[in-house]
N, C-alpha and C. Protein backbone atom coordinates (compact mmCIF):
# COMPACT_ATOMS: atom_id res chain seq x y z
N MET A 1 112.14 90.92 134.39
CA MET A 1 111.34 91.14 133.20
C MET A 1 111.68 92.48 132.55
N LEU A 2 111.92 93.49 133.38
CA LEU A 2 112.23 94.81 132.84
C LEU A 2 113.55 94.79 132.08
N ARG A 3 114.55 94.09 132.61
CA ARG A 3 115.84 94.00 131.92
C ARG A 3 115.69 93.32 130.57
N THR A 4 114.95 92.24 130.54
CA THR A 4 114.75 91.51 129.29
C THR A 4 114.01 92.38 128.28
N GLU A 5 112.99 93.07 128.75
CA GLU A 5 112.23 93.96 127.86
C GLU A 5 113.12 95.07 127.31
N LEU A 6 113.94 95.65 128.16
CA LEU A 6 114.85 96.70 127.71
C LEU A 6 115.83 96.16 126.67
N GLN A 7 116.33 94.98 126.90
CA GLN A 7 117.26 94.36 125.97
C GLN A 7 116.60 94.15 124.60
N GLU A 8 115.38 93.69 124.60
CA GLU A 8 114.68 93.45 123.34
C GLU A 8 114.34 94.77 122.63
N TYR A 9 114.02 95.81 123.39
CA TYR A 9 113.82 97.13 122.78
C TYR A 9 115.12 97.59 122.12
N GLY A 10 116.23 97.35 122.78
CA GLY A 10 117.53 97.70 122.19
C GLY A 10 117.76 96.96 120.88
N GLY A 11 117.38 95.68 120.85
CA GLY A 11 117.50 94.91 119.61
C GLY A 11 116.64 95.48 118.50
N LEU A 12 115.44 95.90 118.83
CA LEU A 12 114.55 96.50 117.84
C LEU A 12 115.13 97.82 117.32
N PHE A 13 115.68 98.63 118.23
CA PHE A 13 116.28 99.89 117.81
C PHE A 13 117.44 99.63 116.85
N ASN A 14 118.26 98.63 117.15
CA ASN A 14 119.39 98.30 116.27
C ASN A 14 118.91 97.86 114.89
N LEU A 15 117.85 97.07 114.85
CA LEU A 15 117.31 96.65 113.56
C LEU A 15 116.79 97.85 112.76
N LEU A 16 116.11 98.77 113.43
CA LEU A 16 115.62 99.98 112.75
C LEU A 16 116.77 100.84 112.25
N SER A 17 117.84 100.90 113.02
CA SER A 17 119.02 101.65 112.57
C SER A 17 119.65 101.00 111.35
N ASN A 18 119.73 99.66 111.37
CA ASN A 18 120.26 98.94 110.21
C ASN A 18 119.37 99.15 108.99
N GLN A 19 118.06 99.15 109.22
CA GLN A 19 117.13 99.39 108.12
C GLN A 19 117.37 100.77 107.52
N GLN A 20 117.55 101.76 108.38
CA GLN A 20 117.77 103.12 107.89
C GLN A 20 119.07 103.20 107.07
N ASP A 21 120.11 102.53 107.55
CA ASP A 21 121.37 102.51 106.81
C ASP A 21 121.17 101.90 105.42
N ARG A 22 120.40 100.83 105.36
CA ARG A 22 120.16 100.16 104.08
C ARG A 22 119.27 100.99 103.16
N ILE A 23 118.34 101.72 103.74
CA ILE A 23 117.51 102.62 102.93
C ILE A 23 118.39 103.69 102.31
N MET A 24 119.24 104.27 103.12
CA MET A 24 120.12 105.35 102.63
C MET A 24 121.11 104.83 101.58
N ALA A 25 121.53 103.58 101.71
CA ALA A 25 122.47 102.99 100.76
C ALA A 25 121.74 102.39 99.55
N ARG A 26 120.42 102.50 99.52
CA ARG A 26 119.57 101.98 98.44
C ARG A 26 119.78 100.49 98.20
N GLN A 27 119.87 99.76 99.29
CA GLN A 27 120.01 98.30 99.22
C GLN A 27 118.62 97.68 99.39
N ASN A 28 117.86 97.72 98.31
CA ASN A 28 116.44 97.35 98.36
C ASN A 28 116.21 95.93 98.87
N ASP A 29 116.97 94.98 98.40
CA ASP A 29 116.77 93.60 98.85
C ASP A 29 117.04 93.46 100.34
N ASP A 30 118.06 94.16 100.81
CA ASP A 30 118.38 94.11 102.24
C ASP A 30 117.30 94.77 103.08
N VAL A 31 116.69 95.84 102.56
CA VAL A 31 115.60 96.51 103.27
C VAL A 31 114.44 95.53 103.44
N LEU A 32 114.13 94.81 102.38
CA LEU A 32 113.03 93.84 102.45
C LEU A 32 113.33 92.71 103.44
N SER A 33 114.55 92.23 103.45
CA SER A 33 114.87 91.13 104.35
C SER A 33 114.88 91.57 105.81
N ILE A 34 115.34 92.79 106.06
CA ILE A 34 115.37 93.26 107.45
C ILE A 34 113.97 93.56 107.96
N ASN A 35 113.02 93.82 107.06
CA ASN A 35 111.64 94.05 107.48
C ASN A 35 111.08 92.83 108.21
N ASP A 36 111.43 91.63 107.72
CA ASP A 36 110.97 90.41 108.39
C ASP A 36 111.54 90.31 109.80
N GLU A 37 112.81 90.67 109.94
CA GLU A 37 113.44 90.65 111.26
C GLU A 37 112.78 91.65 112.20
N ILE A 38 112.45 92.83 111.66
CA ILE A 38 111.79 93.86 112.47
C ILE A 38 110.42 93.38 112.93
N GLU A 39 109.67 92.75 112.05
CA GLU A 39 108.36 92.23 112.44
C GLU A 39 108.47 91.19 113.54
N LEU A 40 109.45 90.30 113.42
CA LEU A 40 109.65 89.27 114.43
C LEU A 40 110.04 89.89 115.76
N GLN A 41 110.96 90.87 115.73
CA GLN A 41 111.40 91.53 116.96
C GLN A 41 110.27 92.33 117.58
N THR A 42 109.45 92.98 116.77
CA THR A 42 108.30 93.72 117.27
C THR A 42 107.33 92.79 117.98
N SER A 43 107.14 91.62 117.41
CA SER A 43 106.26 90.63 118.03
C SER A 43 106.82 90.18 119.38
N THR A 44 108.13 89.94 119.44
CA THR A 44 108.79 89.54 120.69
C THR A 44 108.62 90.61 121.76
N VAL A 45 108.87 91.86 121.39
CA VAL A 45 108.74 92.98 122.32
C VAL A 45 107.30 93.11 122.81
N SER A 46 106.36 92.94 121.90
CA SER A 46 104.96 93.05 122.27
C SER A 46 104.56 91.97 123.27
N GLU A 47 105.02 90.75 123.05
CA GLU A 47 104.73 89.66 123.97
C GLU A 47 105.32 89.93 125.35
N LEU A 48 106.57 90.40 125.37
CA LEU A 48 107.21 90.72 126.66
C LEU A 48 106.47 91.83 127.39
N ARG A 49 106.06 92.85 126.65
CA ARG A 49 105.33 93.96 127.27
C ARG A 49 104.01 93.48 127.85
N THR A 50 103.31 92.62 127.10
CA THR A 50 102.04 92.07 127.59
C THR A 50 102.25 91.27 128.87
N GLN A 51 103.30 90.46 128.90
CA GLN A 51 103.61 89.67 130.10
C GLN A 51 103.93 90.59 131.28
N ARG A 52 104.75 91.61 131.01
CA ARG A 52 105.12 92.53 132.09
C ARG A 52 103.91 93.27 132.61
N GLU A 53 103.04 93.71 131.72
CA GLU A 53 101.83 94.42 132.15
C GLU A 53 100.95 93.52 133.01
N ALA A 54 100.86 92.25 132.68
CA ALA A 54 100.06 91.32 133.49
C ALA A 54 100.67 91.15 134.88
N VAL A 55 101.99 91.04 134.95
CA VAL A 55 102.65 90.90 136.25
C VAL A 55 102.48 92.17 137.07
N VAL A 56 102.64 93.32 136.43
CA VAL A 56 102.48 94.60 137.14
C VAL A 56 101.05 94.73 137.67
N ARG A 57 100.08 94.39 136.83
CA ARG A 57 98.68 94.47 137.26
C ARG A 57 98.42 93.54 138.45
N SER A 58 98.95 92.33 138.38
CA SER A 58 98.77 91.36 139.46
C SER A 58 99.42 91.86 140.76
N LEU A 59 100.66 92.36 140.65
CA LEU A 59 101.33 92.89 141.85
C LEU A 59 100.63 94.12 142.38
N GLY A 60 100.17 94.98 141.47
CA GLY A 60 99.47 96.19 141.88
C GLY A 60 98.20 95.90 142.64
N GLU A 61 97.48 94.88 142.19
CA GLU A 61 96.26 94.50 142.91
C GLU A 61 96.60 93.88 144.27
N ARG A 62 97.70 93.13 144.30
CA ARG A 62 98.09 92.48 145.55
C ARG A 62 98.49 93.50 146.62
N VAL A 63 99.18 94.57 146.21
CA VAL A 63 99.60 95.59 147.20
C VAL A 63 98.59 96.73 147.29
N GLN A 64 97.49 96.62 146.54
CA GLN A 64 96.43 97.62 146.53
C GLN A 64 96.95 99.01 146.15
N ALA A 65 97.71 99.05 145.06
CA ALA A 65 98.23 100.32 144.55
C ALA A 65 97.07 101.16 144.01
N ALA A 66 97.26 102.49 144.06
CA ALA A 66 96.22 103.40 143.57
C ALA A 66 95.88 103.11 142.11
N ARG A 67 96.89 102.91 141.29
CA ARG A 67 96.70 102.52 139.89
C ARG A 67 97.49 101.24 139.68
N PRO A 68 96.87 100.11 139.84
CA PRO A 68 97.59 98.83 139.82
C PRO A 68 98.23 98.48 138.48
N ASP A 69 97.90 99.21 137.42
CA ASP A 69 98.46 98.90 136.11
C ASP A 69 99.71 99.71 135.78
N ARG A 70 100.15 100.57 136.70
CA ARG A 70 101.34 101.41 136.45
C ARG A 70 102.52 100.96 137.28
N MET A 71 103.64 100.75 136.59
CA MET A 71 104.86 100.33 137.27
C MET A 71 105.32 101.40 138.26
N ALA A 72 105.17 102.65 137.89
CA ALA A 72 105.61 103.74 138.77
C ALA A 72 104.89 103.71 140.12
N ASP A 73 103.65 103.24 140.14
CA ASP A 73 102.90 103.15 141.40
C ASP A 73 103.31 101.94 142.24
N LEU A 74 104.01 101.01 141.61
CA LEU A 74 104.48 99.83 142.35
C LEU A 74 105.85 100.05 143.00
N ILE A 75 106.66 100.91 142.43
CA ILE A 75 108.04 101.09 142.90
C ILE A 75 108.12 101.40 144.39
N PRO A 76 107.24 102.24 144.96
CA PRO A 76 107.32 102.48 146.41
C PRO A 76 107.12 101.22 147.26
N HIS A 77 106.54 100.19 146.69
CA HIS A 77 106.31 98.95 147.42
C HIS A 77 107.51 97.99 147.32
N PHE A 78 108.49 98.34 146.51
CA PHE A 78 109.70 97.52 146.37
C PHE A 78 110.58 97.72 147.59
N PRO A 79 111.45 96.76 147.87
CA PRO A 79 112.44 96.98 148.94
C PRO A 79 113.31 98.20 148.59
N GLU A 80 113.74 98.89 149.60
CA GLU A 80 114.52 100.13 149.43
C GLU A 80 115.69 99.96 148.46
N VAL A 81 116.41 98.85 148.57
CA VAL A 81 117.60 98.65 147.74
C VAL A 81 117.25 98.40 146.27
N ALA A 82 116.05 97.95 145.97
CA ALA A 82 115.67 97.63 144.60
C ALA A 82 115.03 98.81 143.86
N ARG A 83 114.59 99.81 144.58
CA ARG A 83 113.88 100.94 143.96
C ARG A 83 114.71 101.68 142.91
N PRO A 84 115.96 102.03 143.20
CA PRO A 84 116.73 102.77 142.18
C PRO A 84 116.89 101.97 140.88
N LEU A 85 117.10 100.66 141.00
CA LEU A 85 117.23 99.83 139.80
C LEU A 85 115.92 99.81 139.02
N ALA A 86 114.81 99.62 139.69
CA ALA A 86 113.51 99.59 139.02
C ALA A 86 113.22 100.93 138.36
N GLU A 87 113.50 102.02 139.05
CA GLU A 87 113.27 103.35 138.48
C GLU A 87 114.13 103.57 137.24
N ALA A 88 115.41 103.14 137.31
CA ALA A 88 116.31 103.31 136.17
C ALA A 88 115.84 102.48 134.97
N LEU A 89 115.39 101.26 135.23
CA LEU A 89 114.92 100.41 134.14
C LEU A 89 113.67 100.99 133.48
N VAL A 90 112.74 101.48 134.29
CA VAL A 90 111.53 102.09 133.73
C VAL A 90 111.90 103.32 132.90
N LYS A 91 112.80 104.14 133.43
CA LYS A 91 113.24 105.34 132.70
C LYS A 91 113.91 104.96 131.38
N ASP A 92 114.78 103.95 131.41
CA ASP A 92 115.47 103.52 130.20
C ASP A 92 114.51 102.93 129.17
N ILE A 93 113.53 102.17 129.62
CA ILE A 93 112.54 101.61 128.70
C ILE A 93 111.75 102.73 128.04
N ASN A 94 111.30 103.70 128.82
CA ASN A 94 110.54 104.82 128.25
C ASN A 94 111.39 105.60 127.25
N HIS A 95 112.65 105.81 127.57
CA HIS A 95 113.56 106.51 126.65
C HIS A 95 113.74 105.71 125.36
N MET A 96 113.93 104.40 125.49
CA MET A 96 114.12 103.56 124.32
C MET A 96 112.87 103.52 123.45
N VAL A 97 111.70 103.51 124.05
CA VAL A 97 110.45 103.53 123.28
C VAL A 97 110.36 104.82 122.47
N ARG A 98 110.72 105.94 123.07
CA ARG A 98 110.71 107.22 122.34
C ARG A 98 111.68 107.18 121.17
N ARG A 99 112.88 106.65 121.39
CA ARG A 99 113.88 106.57 120.32
C ARG A 99 113.41 105.64 119.20
N ILE A 100 112.77 104.53 119.56
CA ILE A 100 112.27 103.59 118.55
C ILE A 100 111.18 104.25 117.72
N ARG A 101 110.27 104.95 118.36
CA ARG A 101 109.21 105.64 117.61
C ARG A 101 109.79 106.66 116.65
N GLN A 102 110.78 107.40 117.11
CA GLN A 102 111.42 108.41 116.27
C GLN A 102 112.12 107.75 115.08
N LYS A 103 112.86 106.69 115.33
CA LYS A 103 113.58 105.99 114.26
C LYS A 103 112.59 105.37 113.27
N ALA A 104 111.53 104.77 113.75
CA ALA A 104 110.52 104.17 112.87
C ALA A 104 109.85 105.24 112.02
N ARG A 105 109.57 106.40 112.62
CA ARG A 105 108.97 107.51 111.88
C ARG A 105 109.93 108.00 110.78
N GLN A 106 111.22 108.11 111.11
CA GLN A 106 112.22 108.53 110.11
C GLN A 106 112.27 107.53 108.95
N ASN A 107 112.30 106.24 109.28
CA ASN A 107 112.36 105.22 108.24
C ASN A 107 111.12 105.25 107.37
N HIS A 108 109.97 105.45 107.99
CA HIS A 108 108.73 105.53 107.23
C HIS A 108 108.79 106.71 106.25
N LEU A 109 109.27 107.85 106.71
CA LEU A 109 109.37 109.02 105.83
C LEU A 109 110.36 108.77 104.69
N LEU A 110 111.48 108.15 105.00
CA LEU A 110 112.47 107.85 103.96
C LEU A 110 111.90 106.91 102.91
N LEU A 111 111.21 105.87 103.36
CA LEU A 111 110.62 104.92 102.42
C LEU A 111 109.50 105.57 101.60
N SER A 112 108.70 106.41 102.24
CA SER A 112 107.63 107.10 101.52
C SER A 112 108.19 108.01 100.45
N ARG A 113 109.23 108.73 100.80
CA ARG A 113 109.85 109.64 99.83
C ARG A 113 110.48 108.87 98.68
N ALA A 114 111.11 107.74 98.98
CA ALA A 114 111.70 106.92 97.93
C ALA A 114 110.61 106.42 96.97
N MET A 115 109.47 106.02 97.52
CA MET A 115 108.36 105.57 96.67
C MET A 115 107.83 106.71 95.80
N GLU A 116 107.72 107.90 96.37
CA GLU A 116 107.26 109.05 95.60
C GLU A 116 108.20 109.36 94.45
N LEU A 117 109.50 109.34 94.73
CA LEU A 117 110.48 109.62 93.68
C LEU A 117 110.45 108.57 92.59
N THR A 118 110.29 107.32 92.98
CA THR A 118 110.21 106.24 92.00
C THR A 118 108.98 106.42 91.12
N GLU A 119 107.85 106.73 91.74
CA GLU A 119 106.63 106.93 90.97
C GLU A 119 106.75 108.12 90.03
N GLU A 120 107.34 109.22 90.50
CA GLU A 120 107.53 110.39 89.65
C GLU A 120 108.40 110.05 88.45
N THR A 121 109.46 109.30 88.70
CA THR A 121 110.36 108.90 87.62
C THR A 121 109.63 108.03 86.60
N LEU A 122 108.87 107.06 87.09
CA LEU A 122 108.11 106.19 86.19
C LEU A 122 107.06 106.97 85.42
N ARG A 123 106.43 107.95 86.06
CA ARG A 123 105.43 108.78 85.36
C ARG A 123 106.08 109.55 84.21
N MET A 124 107.31 110.02 84.41
CA MET A 124 107.99 110.76 83.35
C MET A 124 108.42 109.82 82.22
N LEU A 125 108.88 108.63 82.58
CA LEU A 125 109.37 107.69 81.57
C LEU A 125 108.26 106.97 80.84
N GLN A 126 107.17 106.66 81.53
CA GLN A 126 106.07 105.91 80.94
C GLN A 126 104.73 106.51 81.36
N PRO A 127 104.41 107.70 80.89
CA PRO A 127 103.16 108.35 81.33
C PRO A 127 101.92 107.57 80.94
N GLU A 128 101.99 106.79 79.86
CA GLU A 128 100.81 106.04 79.44
C GLU A 128 100.40 104.99 80.46
N ASN A 129 101.30 104.57 81.31
CA ASN A 129 100.98 103.57 82.33
C ASN A 129 100.32 104.17 83.57
N PHE A 130 100.25 105.49 83.63
CA PHE A 130 99.71 106.14 84.82
C PHE A 130 98.47 106.97 84.54
N THR A 131 97.94 106.90 83.33
CA THR A 131 96.74 107.64 82.99
C THR A 131 95.56 106.95 83.64
N ARG A 132 94.75 107.70 84.35
CA ARG A 132 93.58 107.13 85.02
C ARG A 132 92.33 107.87 84.58
N THR A 133 91.30 107.10 84.35
CA THR A 133 89.99 107.68 84.09
C THR A 133 89.04 107.14 85.14
N TYR A 134 87.98 107.86 85.37
CA TYR A 134 87.05 107.49 86.43
C TYR A 134 85.66 107.25 85.85
N LYS A 135 84.95 106.32 86.46
CA LYS A 135 83.58 106.04 86.07
C LYS A 135 82.67 107.05 86.76
N ARG A 136 81.41 107.05 86.39
CA ARG A 136 80.45 108.01 86.97
C ARG A 136 80.30 107.85 88.48
N ASP A 137 80.50 106.64 88.98
CA ASP A 137 80.35 106.42 90.42
C ASP A 137 81.61 106.79 91.20
N GLY A 138 82.63 107.31 90.51
CA GLY A 138 83.84 107.77 91.17
C GLY A 138 84.94 106.74 91.29
N LYS A 139 84.65 105.52 90.87
CA LYS A 139 85.67 104.48 90.93
C LYS A 139 86.57 104.56 89.70
N ILE A 140 87.77 104.05 89.84
CA ILE A 140 88.71 104.06 88.73
C ILE A 140 88.24 103.07 87.67
N ALA A 141 88.16 103.57 86.43
CA ALA A 141 87.73 102.73 85.32
C ALA A 141 88.87 101.82 84.90
N PRO A 142 88.53 100.61 84.48
CA PRO A 142 89.60 99.75 83.99
C PRO A 142 90.22 100.40 82.77
N GLY A 143 91.50 100.59 82.82
CA GLY A 143 92.19 101.26 81.73
C GLY A 143 92.60 100.29 80.65
N ARG A 144 93.09 100.87 79.60
CA ARG A 144 93.61 99.99 78.56
C ARG A 144 94.91 99.41 79.03
N ARG A 145 95.25 98.31 78.47
CA ARG A 145 96.48 97.65 78.86
C ARG A 145 97.66 98.53 78.46
N PRO A 146 98.65 98.66 79.34
CA PRO A 146 99.79 99.50 79.00
C PRO A 146 100.51 98.97 77.77
N VAL A 147 100.97 99.92 77.00
CA VAL A 147 101.73 99.57 75.80
C VAL A 147 103.13 99.22 76.25
N VAL A 148 103.49 97.99 76.02
CA VAL A 148 104.83 97.55 76.40
C VAL A 148 105.66 97.45 75.14
N ALA A 149 106.65 98.28 75.06
CA ALA A 149 107.48 98.29 73.86
C ALA A 149 108.37 97.06 73.85
N ASN A 150 108.46 96.49 72.70
CA ASN A 150 109.37 95.38 72.51
C ASN A 150 110.78 95.94 72.54
N ARG A 151 111.69 95.29 73.22
CA ARG A 151 113.03 95.84 73.35
C ARG A 151 113.72 95.97 72.01
N TYR A 152 113.30 95.16 71.04
CA TYR A 152 113.94 95.23 69.72
C TYR A 152 113.39 96.37 68.90
N GLN A 153 112.17 96.86 69.21
CA GLN A 153 111.61 98.00 68.50
C GLN A 153 112.41 99.25 68.79
N ALA A 154 112.92 99.35 70.01
CA ALA A 154 113.70 100.53 70.38
C ALA A 154 114.99 100.60 69.61
N VAL A 155 115.55 99.45 69.24
CA VAL A 155 116.81 99.42 68.53
C VAL A 155 116.60 99.80 67.08
N GLY A 156 115.45 99.49 66.54
CA GLY A 156 115.17 99.96 65.21
C GLY A 156 114.89 98.87 64.27
C-alpha cells in the first residue's frame, strides 16, 4: 500500500509541475484542463491514504501499539528484513507530501498574481466596469449596466 501511495503522490507532483509550466507559458486552456486531472489525482491519493490509515489503525490495534494510528509505531513490529523498506517508504511519502504542498502553494501564488494583473489591466482599460457603490447596510449596490462600446463606434 505504501508503494502505491508513493507512486500516486509522484503522479500528483508531476501534474502540479505540468500545471506550473503551463501557468508560466500562459497556456490558459491547458491550465484549466490539467486542473481536472489534478482533482482526479487528489481524489485517488486521498482514497489511498484513507485505506492505508485504516490498515495501519487495524494493525496497530492488533499489535497493541502505543499509538495505533501511526505507521512509525508499527515499524518495530515488522520483520527485521522489512523494516528498512517500510522506513524508507514512510520517509519518501513524507518528503513527497512536503514537495506537493510547496508546489501547490507556488501554483496558487502564480495564479493569484495572474488574476491580480488581469484585474488591474481591466480596471485601467475599462474603469466604468469596476466602479462599486455600497448600500447603507454595507452590501454592494446593484450598479448600472456596463457601457459596452460597439466595435464600429471605435472605428468612427
